[in-house]
Amino acid sequence: MGIVMAIFAFLSIICMALGIVTILDLSSEPLFSANLTWTFWMALAGFLMLCVIALLLMSRLRNSRD
């Protein structure tokens, strides 16, 4: 479960970085699509981070039962 949490955390950081790049308008053309705004990237980063927190709590609950 730790590997899944690490992957989700890494993807969250990537989404946050893409959101910041979109906010600062550093690229001359859209990275993936013009419809993917900074709000989308930040919301996706927040959702992935919430998944990491949920997985962390589930793993701690599982370990406390043992």
C-alpha atoms as a PDB file:
ATOM      1  CA  MET A   1       0.000   0.000   0.000  1.00  0.00           C
ATOM      2  CA  GLY A   2       2.980   2.267   0.513  1.00  0.00           C
ATOM      3  CA  ILE A   3       3.878   2.106  -3.168  1.00  0.00           C
ATOM      4  CA  VAL A   4       0.356   3.167  -4.152  1.00  0.00           C
ATOM      5  CA  MET A   5       0.540   6.104  -1.742  1.00  0.00           C
ATOM      6  CA  ALA A   6       3.900   7.142  -3.182  1.00  0.00           C
ATOM      7  CA  ILE A   7       2.554   6.971  -6.749  1.00  0.00           C
ATOM      8  CA  PHE A   8      -0.520   9.031  -5.840  1.00  0.00           C
ATOM      9  CA  ALA A   9       1.650  11.590  -4.015  1.00  0.00           C
ATOM     10  CA  PHE A  10       3.982  11.847  -7.018  1.00  0.00           C
ATOM     11  CA  LEU A  11       1.040  12.335  -9.393  1.00  0.00           C
ATOM     12  CA  SER A  12      -0.371  14.972  -7.064  1.00  0.00           C
ATOM     13  CA  ILE A  13       2.898  16.898  -7.155  1.00  0.00           C
ATOM     14  CA  ILE A  14       3.000  16.654 -10.960  1.00  0.00           C
ATOM     15  CA  CYS A  15      -0.590  17.948 -11.211  1.00  0.00           C
ATOM     16  CA  MET A  16       0.229  20.814  -8.875  1.00  0.00           C
ATOM     17  CA  ALA A  17       3.266  21.713 -10.975  1.00  0.00           C
ATOM     18  CA  LEU A  18       1.161  21.643 -14.146  1.00  0.00           C
ATOM     19  CA  GLY A  19      -1.357  23.919 -12.447  1.00  0.00           C
ATOM     20  CA  ILE A  20       1.374  26.385 -11.522  1.00  0.00           C
ATOM     21  CA  VAL A  21       2.763  26.301 -15.064  1.00  0.00           C
ATOM     22  CA  THR A  22      -0.739  27.005 -16.366  1.00  0.00           C
ATOM     23  CA  ILE A  23      -1.259  29.876 -13.912  1.00  0.00           C
ATOM     24  CA  LEU A  24       2.050  31.523 -14.818  1.00  0.00           C
ATOM     25  CA  ASP A  25       1.441  30.852 -18.523  1.00  0.00           C
ATOM     26  CA  LEU A  26       5.015  29.653 -19.030  1.00  0.00           C
ATOM     27  CA  SER A  27       4.272  27.602 -22.145  1.00  0.00           C
ATOM     28  CA  SER A  28       3.273  29.276 -25.387  1.00  0.00           C
ATOM     29  CA  GLU A  29       0.758  26.559 -26.224  1.00  0.00           C
ATOM     30  CA  PRO A  30      -1.449  24.390 -23.965  1.00  0.00           C
ATOM     31  CA  LEU A  31       0.312  21.399 -22.415  1.00  0.00           C
ATOM     32  CA  PHE A  32      -2.479  18.882 -23.040  1.00  0.00           C
ATOM     33  CA  SER A  33      -5.652  20.743 -23.922  1.00  0.00           C
ATOM     34  CA  ALA A  34      -6.929  24.291 -23.697  1.00  0.00           C
ATOM     35  CA  ASN A  35      -9.882  23.031 -21.628  1.00  0.00           C
ATOM     36  CA  LEU A  36      -7.612  21.872 -18.804  1.00  0.00           C
ATOM     37  CA  THR A  37      -7.335  25.036 -16.751  1.00  0.00           C
ATOM     38  CA  TRP A  38      -5.358  25.636 -13.577  1.00  0.00           C
ATOM     39  CA  THR A  39      -8.509  24.947 -11.557  1.00  0.00           C
ATOM     40  CA  PHE A  40      -8.665  21.437 -13.001  1.00  0.00           C
ATOM     41  CA  TRP A  41      -5.024  20.711 -12.190  1.00  0.00           C
ATOM     42  CA  MET A  42      -5.264  22.017  -8.624  1.00  0.00           C
ATOM     43  CA  ALA A  43      -8.522  20.141  -7.976  1.00  0.00           C
ATOM     44  CA  LEU A  44      -6.974  16.935  -9.307  1.00  0.00           C
ATOM     45  CA  ALA A  45      -3.903  17.475  -7.110  1.00  0.00           C
ATOM     46  CA  GLY A  46      -6.147  17.985  -4.077  1.00  0.00           C
ATOM     47  CA  PHE A  47      -8.174  14.869  -4.862  1.00  0.00           C
ATOM     48  CA  LEU A  48      -5.043  12.752  -5.242  1.00  0.00           C
ATOM     49  CA  MET A  49      -3.672  14.100  -1.956  1.00  0.00           C
ATOM     50  CA  LEU A  50      -6.949  13.204  -0.236  1.00  0.00           C
ATOM     51  CA  CYS A  51      -6.568   9.686  -1.646  1.00  0.00           C
ATOM     52  CA  VAL A  52      -3.078   9.522  -0.142  1.00  0.00           C
ATOM     53  CA  ILE A  53      -4.454  10.580   3.252  1.00  0.00           C
ATOM     54  CA  ALA A  54      -7.251   8.001   3.053  1.00  0.00           C
ATOM     55  CA  LEU A  55      -4.786   5.244   2.148  1.00  0.00           C
ATOM     56  CA  LEU A  56      -2.508   6.304   4.999  1.00  0.00           C
ATOM     57  CA  LEU A  57      -5.351   6.149   7.492  1.00  0.00           C
ATOM     58  CA  MET A  58      -6.463   2.762   6.177  1.00  0.00           C
ATOM     59  CA  SER A  59      -2.951   1.345   6.513  1.00  0.00           C
ATOM     60  CA  ARG A  60      -2.609   2.669  10.063  1.00  0.00           C
ATOM     61  CA  LEU A  61      -5.991   1.185  10.982  1.00  0.00           C
ATOM     62  CA  ARG A  62      -4.966  -2.149   9.515  1.00  0.00           C
ATOM     63  CA  ASN A  63      -1.642  -2.095  11.400  1.00  0.00           C
ATOM     64  CA  SER A  64      -3.289  -1.184  14.714  1.00  0.00           C
ATOM     65  CA  ARG A  65      -5.555  -4.251  14.516  1.00  0.00           C
ATOM     66  CA  ASP A  66      -2.562  -6.601  14.249  1.00  0.00           C
END
